[in-house]
Amino acid sequence: YKVPIVSIGTFGFGQYMGPMIGQMNAWSHVPHEFLPFTDRMSFSQRAYNSLVSFYESLLRDWYYMPRQEAMAAKYFSFLPGPLPRVGDLERQVSVILLNSYTPLTTTRARVPGMVPVGGLHIKEPKRLPDDLQTFIDEAKDGVIYFSLGTNLRSADLPPEKLAVILRVFASMKQRVVWKFEDERIASLPANVLVRSWLPQSDILGHPHVKVFITHGGLLGTQEGVHRAVPMVGIPIYCDQHLNMNKATLGGYAVKLYFPNITEDSFRWALEEVLYNPSYKDNVRRVSQIFRDRPVPALEEAIYWIEYVERYKGAPQLRSAGLDLPWVSFALLDVVGVLVMGLALLIVTVRKLLSASVGDKKKVKRKGD
């Protein structure tokens, strides 16, 4: 139907987006979104990052995309006219709204059609439900907020880890608000309140919240930074490690490796973030950068959606690299010609030198 397309990158930037929109992926300093690397990679990390990124590219081209084509042919065959290829549809995307924003993402070159709008889901904090509001308001020593998000469940924690966490919470003078899916948790300390669902962003906006224990998911990390709450990160998989590595390097989080969590390490992490003022100072600084924008994230997203509609797909944003074969896009054809030219030059020079030396030897023998 030739309708303009605006896509959304829910994980922020993904390596697969580069070929979609005509951008070269810089594997030398942009880590794959599911690797626990920062933009300061060692040689071995750069090599591993390149291999993983290249493997994903091959897997996508030779496994994922053919299956997408087959599904499209199966379920959309009723449409009139020839069905466009899924890959061609991808390359018709006008703008990708990226769920990321500096400094929570790796700095990279971007074509105009890639627009960072991370944090657009964050609104001004609202008043909490009465019981929760009272519990936090009356916490004179502050509150620890604990949530493992929606994909991970605190109720599924191994019994030994749950016991460790409960013992540490019981020993703290702070109150704890915990997203725990089974509110009938046994042996719950008096200073701990559990709920199966909690208004996380609003809780983090309360001035009494001192620490955010998180799995390191992207949305939660953005909320913690926006509200300037330092974190204790327990990443499990995917981009959670990358997010928490960024946070620890930024000095506003302590990262724990889940299998190695003990009573001592968990207590140390909480006390380190609670009583070392540098974590709060650093998260305030990062929060200021994250919130410092020409316009709010939601307004930015709305502007670009309307821009694409206004200019009938905004072809002026389209990179000419999308029309090049990948060999030309990566300049491999130019490099190949230069290498062949250099090789030809070297061979020619060697032959000339060899011929010159041979002539000199002949002249010398005749003279003798």
Protein backbone atom coordinates (compact mmCIF):
# COMPACT_ATOMS: atom_id res chain seq x y z
CA TYR A 1 0.00 0.00 0.00
CA LYS A 2 3.09 2.26 0.03
CA VAL A 3 2.20 3.64 3.46
CA PRO A 4 5.11 5.44 5.21
CA ILE A 5 6.64 3.34 7.98
CA VAL A 6 7.90 4.49 11.39
CA SER A 7 9.52 1.68 13.37
CA ILE A 8 10.28 1.45 17.10
CA GLY A 9 13.49 0.00 18.54
CA THR A 10 12.28 -1.22 21.94
CA PHE A 11 15.79 -2.30 23.02
CA GLY A 12 17.31 0.90 21.72
CA PHE A 13 19.81 0.38 18.92
CA GLY A 14 20.09 -3.10 17.45
CA GLN A 15 22.85 -4.21 15.09
CA TYR A 16 20.25 -5.35 12.55
CA MET A 17 18.97 -1.78 12.20
CA GLY A 18 22.08 -0.56 10.39
CA PRO A 19 21.37 -2.37 7.08
CA MET A 20 17.67 -1.44 7.42
CA ILE A 21 18.36 2.27 7.31
CA GLY A 22 21.71 2.54 5.50
CA GLN A 23 24.10 2.88 8.43
CA MET A 24 27.48 1.22 8.90
CA ASN A 25 27.78 -0.64 12.21
CA ALA A 26 31.03 0.21 13.98
CA TRP A 27 31.87 -3.07 15.71
CA SER A 28 35.17 -1.61 16.95
CA HIS A 29 33.47 0.49 19.63
CA VAL A 30 29.73 -0.28 19.52
CA PRO A 31 29.05 -3.52 21.43
CA HIS A 32 26.31 -5.91 20.41
CA GLU A 33 23.22 -5.15 22.47
CA PHE A 34 23.25 -8.59 24.13
CA LEU A 35 26.95 -8.62 25.05
CA PRO A 36 28.11 -7.34 28.47
CA PHE A 37 30.69 -4.96 26.94
CA THR A 38 31.05 -1.20 27.03
CA ASP A 39 32.37 1.00 24.23
CA ARG A 40 35.90 0.61 25.68
CA MET A 41 36.65 -2.90 24.49
CA SER A 42 39.90 -4.83 24.63
CA PHE A 43 41.25 -6.55 21.51
CA SER A 44 39.67 -9.88 22.48
CA GLN A 45 36.35 -8.18 23.22
CA ARG A 46 36.41 -6.37 19.88
CA ALA A 47 37.15 -9.64 18.12
CA TYR A 48 34.34 -11.44 19.96
CA ASN A 49 31.94 -8.55 19.36
CA SER A 50 32.74 -8.62 15.64
CA LEU A 51 32.26 -12.39 15.40
CA VAL A 52 28.93 -12.31 17.26
CA SER A 53 27.68 -9.36 15.21
CA PHE A 54 28.75 -10.98 11.93
CA TYR A 55 27.18 -14.29 12.97
CA GLU A 56 23.91 -12.54 13.81
CA SER A 57 23.98 -10.80 10.43
CA LEU A 58 24.43 -14.12 8.61
CA LEU A 59 21.79 -15.82 10.75
CA ARG A 60 19.34 -13.05 10.02
CA ASP A 61 19.97 -13.07 6.27
CA TRP A 62 20.04 -16.83 5.76
CA TYR A 63 17.69 -18.17 8.46
CA TYR A 64 15.41 -15.51 9.91
CA MET A 65 14.51 -13.52 6.79
CA PRO A 66 13.66 -16.55 4.57
CA ARG A 67 11.23 -17.70 7.25
CA GLN A 68 9.71 -14.25 7.44
CA GLU A 69 9.26 -14.34 3.66
CA ALA A 70 7.57 -17.74 3.91
CA MET A 71 5.20 -16.52 6.64
CA ALA A 72 4.33 -13.41 4.63
CA ALA A 73 3.61 -15.50 1.54
CA LYS A 74 1.42 -17.86 3.59
CA TYR A 75 -0.68 -15.32 5.45
CA PHE A 76 -0.81 -12.37 3.04
CA SER A 77 -1.25 -14.18 -0.28
CA PHE A 78 -4.83 -12.84 -0.48
CA LEU A 79 -3.55 -9.31 -1.12
CA PRO A 80 -3.81 -8.09 -4.74
CA GLY A 81 -0.67 -7.83 -6.84
CA PRO A 82 2.79 -9.25 -6.17
CA LEU A 83 3.75 -9.30 -2.49
CA PRO A 84 6.81 -7.13 -1.71
CA ARG A 85 9.79 -8.82 -0.09
CA VAL A 86 10.07 -8.35 3.68
CA GLY A 87 13.64 -7.11 3.22
CA ASP A 88 12.43 -4.45 0.79
CA LEU A 89 9.75 -3.38 3.27
CA GLU A 90 12.42 -3.01 5.94
CA ARG A 91 14.42 -0.70 3.73
CA GLN A 92 11.34 1.49 3.28
CA VAL A 93 11.34 2.45 6.97
CA SER A 94 11.54 6.24 7.16
CA VAL A 95 12.35 6.69 10.85
CA ILE A 96 13.29 4.37 13.71
CA LEU A 97 12.36 5.69 17.16
CA LEU A 98 15.06 4.32 19.46
CA ASN A 99 14.25 3.56 23.08
CA SER A 100 17.58 5.01 24.22
CA TYR A 101 19.20 8.31 25.07
CA THR A 102 22.60 9.52 26.14
CA PRO A 103 24.33 8.76 28.47
CA LEU A 104 22.57 5.40 28.90
CA THR A 105 23.56 4.23 25.44
CA THR A 106 26.82 3.84 23.57
CA THR A 107 27.81 6.92 21.58
CA ARG A 108 27.65 6.12 17.87
CA ALA A 109 27.16 7.75 14.49
CA ARG A 110 23.51 7.93 13.45
CA VAL A 111 21.74 8.67 10.19
CA PRO A 112 18.96 11.30 10.50
CA GLY A 113 16.27 8.63 10.43
CA MET A 114 17.42 7.19 13.75
CA VAL A 115 15.83 9.25 16.53
CA PRO A 116 16.60 8.53 20.23
CA VAL A 117 13.50 8.97 22.42
CA GLY A 118 14.44 6.88 25.45
CA GLY A 119 12.35 7.63 28.52
CA LEU A 120 9.22 8.72 26.65
CA HIS A 121 7.17 6.43 28.93
CA ILE A 122 8.20 8.38 32.05
CA LYS A 123 5.64 10.85 33.37
CA GLU A 124 5.53 13.13 36.39
CA PRO A 125 5.18 11.00 39.55
CA LYS A 126 1.64 10.63 40.87
CA ARG A 127 0.43 10.12 44.42
CA LEU A 128 0.70 6.49 45.51
CA PRO A 129 -2.14 4.33 46.87
CA ASP A 130 -2.86 5.39 50.46
CA ASP A 131 -1.32 2.39 52.26
CA LEU A 132 1.82 2.54 50.12
CA GLN A 133 2.08 6.33 50.42
CA THR A 134 1.86 6.12 54.23
CA PHE A 135 4.38 3.27 54.43
CA ILE A 136 6.96 5.28 52.45
CA ASP A 137 6.15 8.67 54.00
CA GLU A 138 6.77 7.28 57.49
CA ALA A 139 10.11 5.68 56.59
CA LYS A 140 12.39 8.08 58.48
CA ASP A 141 15.52 6.11 57.45
CA GLY A 142 14.51 5.80 53.82
CA VAL A 143 13.17 3.06 51.57
CA ILE A 144 14.75 0.30 49.49
CA TYR A 145 12.69 -0.55 46.40
CA PHE A 146 13.14 -4.05 44.93
CA SER A 147 11.74 -5.27 41.61
CA LEU A 148 12.91 -7.83 39.07
CA GLY A 149 10.55 -6.49 36.41
CA THR A 150 7.83 -8.39 34.57
CA ASN A 151 9.81 -11.13 32.82
CA LEU A 152 11.50 -12.28 36.03
CA ARG A 153 9.54 -13.16 39.17
CA SER A 154 10.80 -12.67 42.71
CA ALA A 155 8.40 -15.46 43.70
CA ASP A 156 10.53 -17.86 41.61
CA LEU A 157 13.75 -17.13 43.50
CA PRO A 158 15.51 -20.25 44.81
CA PRO A 159 14.62 -20.79 48.51
CA GLU A 160 18.22 -20.29 49.63
CA LYS A 161 18.50 -16.94 47.82
CA LEU A 162 15.12 -15.83 49.17
CA ALA A 163 16.24 -16.66 52.71
CA VAL A 164 19.44 -14.63 52.22
CA ILE A 165 17.51 -11.61 50.97
CA LEU A 166 14.95 -11.77 53.81
CA ARG A 167 17.65 -12.00 56.48
CA VAL A 168 19.44 -8.97 55.07
CA PHE A 169 16.21 -6.96 54.82
CA ALA A 170 15.30 -7.87 58.42
CA SER A 171 18.66 -6.49 59.60
CA MET A 172 18.24 -3.12 57.83
CA LYS A 173 16.77 -0.03 59.47
CA GLN A 174 15.34 1.09 56.13
CA ARG A 175 11.91 -0.01 54.99
CA VAL A 176 11.62 -2.23 51.91
CA VAL A 177 8.98 -2.14 49.17
CA TRP A 178 9.20 -5.34 47.14
CA LYS A 179 7.38 -6.39 43.98
CA PHE A 180 6.72 -10.00 44.96
CA GLU A 181 4.16 -11.97 43.01
CA ASP A 182 3.01 -14.09 45.98
CA GLU A 183 1.87 -11.79 48.77
CA ARG A 184 1.62 -14.74 51.19
CA ILE A 185 5.39 -14.88 51.57
CA ALA A 186 6.39 -16.63 54.80
CA SER A 187 8.51 -15.05 57.55
CA LEU A 188 8.13 -11.54 56.15
CA PRO A 189 10.07 -8.99 58.25
CA ALA A 190 8.03 -6.13 59.73
CA ASN A 191 9.92 -3.53 57.69
CA VAL A 192 9.08 -5.18 54.34
CA LEU A 193 5.94 -4.53 52.29
CA VAL A 194 5.23 -6.80 49.32
CA ARG A 195 2.76 -6.34 46.48
CA SER A 196 2.21 -8.38 43.32
CA TRP A 197 2.14 -5.15 41.32
CA LEU A 198 3.58 -1.73 42.11
CA PRO A 199 3.61 1.68 40.35
CA GLN A 200 7.37 1.60 39.94
CA SER A 201 8.02 4.97 38.33
CA ASP A 202 5.87 6.76 40.92
CA ILE A 203 7.63 4.95 43.78
CA LEU A 204 11.05 5.89 42.42
CA GLY A 205 9.86 9.50 42.32
CA HIS A 206 9.33 9.56 46.09
CA PRO A 207 12.19 11.41 47.87
CA HIS A 208 12.42 8.73 50.61
CA VAL A 209 13.49 6.02 48.13
CA LYS A 210 17.26 5.63 48.56
CA VAL A 211 18.13 2.46 46.59
CA PHE A 212 16.60 0.64 43.63
CA ILE A 213 17.37 -3.11 43.50
CA THR A 214 16.83 -4.02 39.85
CA HIS A 215 17.52 -6.73 37.29
CA GLY A 216 18.82 -4.02 34.98
CA GLY A 217 16.03 -3.94 32.40
CA LEU A 218 16.13 -0.99 30.04
CA LEU A 219 12.88 0.71 31.10
CA GLY A 220 13.59 0.31 34.81
CA THR A 221 17.14 1.60 34.41
CA GLN A 222 15.82 4.65 32.57
CA GLU A 223 13.28 5.27 35.34
CA GLY A 224 15.91 4.91 38.06
CA VAL A 225 18.22 7.36 36.31
CA HIS A 226 15.42 9.82 35.52
CA ARG A 227 14.38 9.80 39.20
CA ALA A 228 18.05 9.95 40.32
CA VAL A 229 17.91 6.78 42.45
CA PRO A 230 21.19 4.80 42.72
CA MET A 231 20.95 1.07 42.07
CA VAL A 232 22.01 -2.40 43.08
CA GLY A 233 21.88 -4.41 39.86
CA ILE A 234 21.29 -8.17 39.60
CA PRO A 235 21.33 -8.74 35.82
CA ILE A 236 20.24 -12.14 34.51
CA TYR A 237 20.32 -12.08 30.68
CA CYS A 238 20.21 -10.07 27.44
CA ASP A 239 20.83 -6.33 27.66
CA GLN A 240 20.61 -6.31 31.47
CA HIS A 241 24.37 -6.94 31.79
CA LEU A 242 25.14 -4.15 29.33
CA ASN A 243 22.86 -1.72 31.19
CA MET A 244 24.39 -2.56 34.56
CA ASN A 245 27.95 -2.40 33.24
CA LYS A 246 27.16 1.10 32.01
CA ALA A 247 25.72 1.95 35.43
CA THR A 248 28.70 0.64 37.39
CA LEU A 249 31.13 2.50 35.13
CA GLY A 250 29.02 5.62 35.66
CA GLY A 251 29.42 5.18 39.41
CA TYR A 252 25.72 5.05 40.23
CA ALA A 253 25.26 1.30 40.72
CA VAL A 254 26.79 -1.81 42.26
CA LYS A 255 26.45 -5.00 40.22
CA LEU A 256 26.00 -8.44 41.78
CA TYR A 257 26.31 -11.79 40.01
CA PHE A 258 23.16 -13.69 40.97
CA PRO A 259 24.65 -17.20 41.51
CA ASN A 260 27.29 -15.73 43.85
CA ILE A 261 24.95 -13.66 46.04
CA THR A 262 25.51 -14.31 49.74
CA GLU A 263 24.24 -12.60 52.86
CA ASP A 264 27.52 -10.69 53.16
CA SER A 265 27.70 -9.59 49.52
CA PHE A 266 24.05 -8.51 49.41
CA ARG A 267 24.34 -6.52 52.64
CA TRP A 268 27.61 -4.95 51.47
CA ALA A 269 26.07 -3.85 48.17
CA LEU A 270 23.09 -2.21 49.89
CA GLU A 271 25.21 -0.46 52.51
CA GLU A 272 27.72 0.68 49.88
CA VAL A 273 25.02 2.41 47.85
CA LEU A 274 23.12 3.68 50.91
CA TYR A 275 26.03 5.22 52.78
CA ASN A 276 28.56 6.15 50.10
CA PRO A 277 27.37 9.57 48.86
CA SER A 278 29.24 9.25 45.56
CA TYR A 279 26.52 6.97 44.15
CA LYS A 280 23.82 9.56 44.75
CA ASP A 281 26.04 12.35 43.42
CA ASN A 282 26.81 10.39 40.26
CA VAL A 283 23.21 9.42 39.56
CA ARG A 284 22.13 13.06 39.98
CA ARG A 285 24.71 14.07 37.36
CA VAL A 286 23.67 11.30 34.95
CA SER A 287 20.00 12.10 35.55
CA GLN A 288 20.58 15.73 34.62
CA ILE A 289 22.23 14.69 31.34
CA PHE A 290 19.45 12.18 30.59
CA ARG A 291 16.74 14.80 31.13
CA ASP A 292 18.56 17.64 29.34
CA ARG A 293 16.88 17.63 25.90
CA PRO A 294 15.66 20.23 23.39
CA VAL A 295 12.12 18.86 23.79
CA PRO A 296 10.59 16.08 25.92
CA ALA A 297 10.97 12.57 24.50
CA LEU A 298 7.27 12.10 23.79
CA GLU A 299 7.09 15.39 21.89
CA GLU A 300 10.17 14.36 19.90
CA ALA A 301 8.53 11.08 18.90
CA ILE A 302 5.29 12.82 17.91
CA TYR A 303 7.19 15.39 15.86
CA TRP A 304 9.00 12.76 13.77
CA ILE A 305 5.87 10.68 13.19
CA GLU A 306 4.10 13.78 11.91
CA TYR A 307 7.21 14.76 9.90
CA VAL A 308 7.15 11.43 8.05
CA GLU A 309 3.44 11.86 7.34
CA ARG A 310 3.90 15.49 6.27
CA TYR A 311 6.59 14.68 3.70
CA LYS A 312 5.05 11.45 2.35
CA GLY A 313 7.63 9.13 3.88
CA ALA A 314 10.40 11.76 4.13
CA PRO A 315 12.60 10.42 1.28
CA GLN A 316 15.09 13.20 2.10
CA LEU A 317 16.09 11.19 5.17
CA ARG A 318 16.86 8.07 3.15
CA SER A 319 20.52 7.08 2.90
CA ALA A 320 21.87 6.33 -0.58
CA GLY A 321 23.71 3.43 1.03
CA LEU A 322 20.47 1.47 0.90
CA ASP A 323 20.79 1.31 -2.90
CA LEU A 324 24.34 -0.05 -2.86
CA PRO A 325 25.26 -3.74 -2.84
CA TRP A 326 26.90 -4.65 0.46
CA VAL A 327 30.30 -5.01 -1.21
CA SER A 328 30.15 -1.39 -2.37
CA PHE A 329 28.54 -0.19 0.88
CA ALA A 330 31.49 -1.54 2.87
CA LEU A 331 33.96 -0.19 0.24
CA LEU A 332 35.26 -3.72 -0.27
CA ASP A 333 35.25 -3.18 -4.05
CA VAL A 334 37.48 -0.12 -3.66
CA VAL A 335 39.74 -1.92 -1.19
CA GLY A 336 39.93 -4.90 -3.56
CA VAL A 337 40.96 -2.72 -6.52
CA LEU A 338 43.56 -0.92 -4.40
CA VAL A 339 44.99 -4.20 -3.12
CA MET A 340 45.15 -5.63 -6.64
CA GLY A 341 46.72 -2.42 -7.92
CA LEU A 342 49.30 -2.50 -5.12
CA ALA A 343 50.00 -6.17 -5.79
CA LEU A 344 50.40 -5.45 -9.52
CA LEU A 345 52.74 -2.57 -8.75
CA ILE A 346 54.87 -4.75 -6.46
CA VAL A 347 55.06 -7.53 -9.07
CA THR A 348 55.97 -5.02 -11.80
CA VAL A 349 58.70 -3.39 -9.69
CA ARG A 350 60.13 -6.80 -8.76
CA LYS A 351 60.24 -7.84 -12.41
CA LEU A 352 61.89 -4.58 -13.44
CA LEU A 353 64.46 -4.92 -10.65
CA SER A 354 65.06 -8.55 -11.57
CA ALA A 355 65.49 -7.64 -15.24
CA SER A 356 67.83 -4.77 -14.33
CA VAL A 357 70.00 -7.00 -12.13
CA GLY A 358 70.06 -9.65 -14.86
CA ASP A 359 71.21 -7.11 -17.48
CA LYS A 360 73.98 -5.89 -15.18
CA LYS A 361 75.20 -9.45 -14.67
CA LYS A 362 75.26 -10.04 -18.44
CA VAL A 363 77.23 -6.81 -19.02
CA LYS A 364 79.68 -7.80 -16.30
CA ARG A 365 80.26 -11.27 -17.80
CA LYS A 366 80.88 -9.75 -21.24
CA GLY A 367 83.37 -7.32 -19.73
CA ASP A 368 85.22 -10.19 -18.05
